[in-house]
Amino acid sequence: LAGFDPYIYLRDLFNSWETKPRTLSTKDLPQIGAICV
């Protein structure tokens, strides 16, 4: 994924957790998997 910054993604993800705490859902898994690929 060109120009993708996992650090920015994770920062935004944690920011969203702070405003709306939740656990990882199945729809988050493909996005996280894309980081690891």
PDB file of N, CA and C in Angstrom:
ATOM      1  N   LEU A   1       0.854  -1.189   0.000  1.00  0.00           N
ATOM      2  CA  LEU A   1       0.000   0.000   0.000  1.00  0.00           C
ATOM      3  C   LEU A   1       0.895   1.246   0.000  1.00  0.00           C
ATOM      4  N   ALA A   2       1.018   1.888  -1.134  1.00  0.00           N
ATOM      5  CA  ALA A   2       1.966   2.984  -1.302  1.00  0.00           C
ATOM      6  C   ALA A   2       1.599   4.186  -0.441  1.00  0.00           C
ATOM      7  N   GLY A   3       2.596   4.749   0.218  1.00  0.00           N
ATOM      8  CA  GLY A   3       2.382   5.946   1.018  1.00  0.00           C
ATOM      9  C   GLY A   3       1.630   5.687   2.313  1.00  0.00           C
ATOM     10  N   PHE A   4       1.510   4.415   2.692  1.00  0.00           N
ATOM     11  CA  PHE A   4       0.779   4.083   3.919  1.00  0.00           C
ATOM     12  C   PHE A   4       1.725   4.128   5.109  1.00  0.00           C
ATOM     13  N   ASP A   5       1.351   4.857   6.143  1.00  0.00           N
ATOM     14  CA  ASP A   5       2.178   4.962   7.336  1.00  0.00           C
ATOM     15  C   ASP A   5       1.483   4.263   8.505  1.00  0.00           C
ATOM     16  N   PRO A   6       1.965   3.086   8.883  1.00  0.00           N
ATOM     17  CA  PRO A   6       1.313   2.323   9.959  1.00  0.00           C
ATOM     18  C   PRO A   6       1.327   3.066  11.288  1.00  0.00           C
ATOM     19  N   TYR A   7       2.336   3.903  11.499  1.00  0.00           N
ATOM     20  CA  TYR A   7       2.403   4.634  12.760  1.00  0.00           C
ATOM     21  C   TYR A   7       1.275   5.644  12.859  1.00  0.00           C
ATOM     22  N   ILE A   8       1.003   6.343  11.758  1.00  0.00           N
ATOM     23  CA  ILE A   8      -0.109   7.292  11.737  1.00  0.00           C
ATOM     24  C   ILE A   8      -1.424   6.541  11.904  1.00  0.00           C
ATOM     25  N   TYR A   9      -1.533   5.386  11.232  1.00  0.00           N
ATOM     26  CA  TYR A   9      -2.756   4.582  11.337  1.00  0.00           C
ATOM     27  C   TYR A   9      -2.997   4.168  12.785  1.00  0.00           C
ATOM     28  N   LEU A  10      -1.950   3.667  13.432  1.00  0.00           N
ATOM     29  CA  LEU A  10      -2.096   3.209  14.809  1.00  0.00           C
ATOM     30  C   LEU A  10      -2.389   4.376  15.742  1.00  0.00           C
ATOM     31  N   ARG A  11      -1.748   5.529  15.488  1.00  0.00           N
ATOM     32  CA  ARG A  11      -2.001   6.703  16.319  1.00  0.00           C
ATOM     33  C   ARG A  11      -3.465   7.107  16.226  1.00  0.00           C
ATOM     34  N   ASP A  12      -3.980   7.144  14.995  1.00  0.00           N
ATOM     35  CA  ASP A  12      -5.382   7.507  14.811  1.00  0.00           C
ATOM     36  C   ASP A  12      -6.298   6.459  15.433  1.00  0.00           C
ATOM     37  N   LEU A  13      -5.876   5.182  15.344  1.00  0.00           N
ATOM     38  CA  LEU A  13      -6.674   4.101  15.906  1.00  0.00           C
ATOM     39  C   LEU A  13      -6.772   4.255  17.420  1.00  0.00           C
ATOM     40  N   PHE A  14      -5.643   4.538  18.072  1.00  0.00           N
ATOM     41  CA  PHE A  14      -5.652   4.714  19.518  1.00  0.00           C
ATOM     42  C   PHE A  14      -6.431   5.956  19.912  1.00  0.00           C
ATOM     43  N   ASN A  15      -6.335   7.006  19.088  1.00  0.00           N
ATOM     44  CA  ASN A  15      -7.104   8.222  19.360  1.00  0.00           C
ATOM     45  C   ASN A  15      -8.593   7.917  19.314  1.00  0.00           C
ATOM     46  N   SER A  16      -9.005   7.071  18.383  1.00  0.00           N
ATOM     47  CA  SER A  16     -10.416   6.726  18.266  1.00  0.00           C
ATOM     48  C   SER A  16     -10.849   5.892  19.468  1.00  0.00           C
ATOM     49  N   TRP A  17      -9.905   5.079  20.003  1.00  0.00           N
ATOM     50  CA  TRP A  17     -10.226   4.289  21.185  1.00  0.00           C
ATOM     51  C   TRP A  17     -10.437   5.191  22.394  1.00  0.00           C
ATOM     52  N   GLU A  18      -9.653   6.276  22.468  1.00  0.00           N
ATOM     53  CA  GLU A  18      -9.771   7.187  23.609  1.00  0.00           C
ATOM     54  C   GLU A  18     -11.126   7.868  23.616  1.00  0.00           C
ATOM     55  N   THR A  19     -11.634   8.190  22.422  1.00  0.00           N
ATOM     56  CA  THR A  19     -12.914   8.880  22.341  1.00  0.00           C
ATOM     57  C   THR A  19     -14.073   7.890  22.375  1.00  0.00           C
ATOM     58  N   LYS A  20     -13.808   6.675  21.908  1.00  0.00           N
ATOM     59  CA  LYS A  20     -14.863   5.667  21.842  1.00  0.00           C
ATOM     60  C   LYS A  20     -14.259   4.294  22.124  1.00  0.00           C
ATOM     61  N   PRO A  21     -14.000   3.993  23.409  1.00  0.00           N
ATOM     62  CA  PRO A  21     -13.338   2.746  23.779  1.00  0.00           C
ATOM     63  C   PRO A  21     -14.094   1.531  23.258  1.00  0.00           C
ATOM     64  N   ARG A  22     -13.342   0.614  22.679  1.00  0.00           N
ATOM     65  CA  ARG A  22     -13.940  -0.617  22.182  1.00  0.00           C
ATOM     66  C   ARG A  22     -12.830  -1.637  21.989  1.00  0.00           C
ATOM     67  N   THR A  23     -13.237  -2.881  21.807  1.00  0.00           N
ATOM     68  CA  THR A  23     -12.259  -3.918  21.526  1.00  0.00           C
ATOM     69  C   THR A  23     -12.135  -4.092  20.020  1.00  0.00           C
ATOM     70  N   LEU A  24     -11.095  -4.781  19.610  1.00  0.00           N
ATOM     71  CA  LEU A  24     -10.926  -5.027  18.183  1.00  0.00           C
ATOM     72  C   LEU A  24     -12.088  -5.862  17.669  1.00  0.00           C
ATOM     73  N   SER A  25     -12.640  -5.437  16.554  1.00  0.00           N
ATOM     74  CA  SER A  25     -13.706  -6.200  15.924  1.00  0.00           C
ATOM     75  C   SER A  25     -13.181  -6.843  14.651  1.00  0.00           C
ATOM     76  N   THR A  26     -13.973  -7.732  14.084  1.00  0.00           N
ATOM     77  CA  THR A  26     -13.523  -8.481  12.913  1.00  0.00           C
ATOM     78  C   THR A  26     -13.238  -7.565  11.735  1.00  0.00           C
ATOM     79  N   LYS A  27     -13.918  -6.428  11.666  1.00  0.00           N
ATOM     80  CA  LYS A  27     -13.689  -5.515  10.540  1.00  0.00           C
ATOM     81  C   LYS A  27     -12.342  -4.801  10.656  1.00  0.00           C
ATOM     82  N   ASP A  28     -11.738  -4.828  11.853  1.00  0.00           N
ATOM     83  CA  ASP A  28     -10.421  -4.217  12.026  1.00  0.00           C
ATOM     84  C   ASP A  28      -9.298  -5.157  11.579  1.00  0.00           C
ATOM     85  N   LEU A  29      -9.572  -6.450  11.606  1.00  0.00           N
ATOM     86  CA  LEU A  29      -8.530  -7.428  11.324  1.00  0.00           C
ATOM     87  C   LEU A  29      -7.929  -7.311   9.931  1.00  0.00           C
ATOM     88  N   PRO A  30      -8.720  -7.155   8.864  1.00  0.00           N
ATOM     89  CA  PRO A  30      -8.128  -7.030   7.527  1.00  0.00           C
ATOM     90  C   PRO A  30      -7.198  -5.829   7.415  1.00  0.00           C
ATOM     91  N   GLN A  31      -7.524  -4.734   8.098  1.00  0.00           N
ATOM     92  CA  GLN A  31      -6.690  -3.538   8.046  1.00  0.00           C
ATOM     93  C   GLN A  31      -5.360  -3.789   8.756  1.00  0.00           C
ATOM     94  N   ILE A  32      -5.427  -4.454   9.891  1.00  0.00           N
ATOM     95  CA  ILE A  32      -4.214  -4.777  10.638  1.00  0.00           C
ATOM     96  C   ILE A  32      -3.383  -5.787   9.846  1.00  0.00           C
ATOM     97  N   GLY A  33      -4.056  -6.717   9.194  1.00  0.00           N
ATOM     98  CA  GLY A  33      -3.366  -7.705   8.374  1.00  0.00           C
ATOM     99  C   GLY A  33      -2.631  -7.053   7.223  1.00  0.00           C
ATOM    100  N   ALA A  34      -3.195  -5.965   6.699  1.00  0.00           N
ATOM    101  CA  ALA A  34      -2.574  -5.265   5.578  1.00  0.00           C
ATOM    102  C   ALA A  34      -1.259  -4.625   6.014  1.00  0.00           C
ATOM    103  N   ILE A  35      -1.174  -4.248   7.288  1.00  0.00           N
ATOM    104  CA  ILE A  35       0.059  -3.651   7.808  1.00  0.00           C
ATOM    105  C   ILE A  35       1.157  -4.710   7.873  1.00  0.00           C
ATOM    106  N   CYS A  36       0.790  -5.913   8.252  1.00  0.00           N
ATOM    107  CA  CYS A  36       1.776  -6.969   8.469  1.00  0.00           C
ATOM    108  C   CYS A  36       2.259  -7.580   7.160  1.00  0.00           C
ATOM    109  N   VAL A  37       1.480  -7.439   6.107  1.00  0.00           N
ATOM    110  CA  VAL A  37       1.855  -8.052   4.828  1.00  0.00           C
ATOM    111  C   VAL A  37       3.033  -7.310   4.221  1.00  0.00           C
TER     112      VAL A  37
END
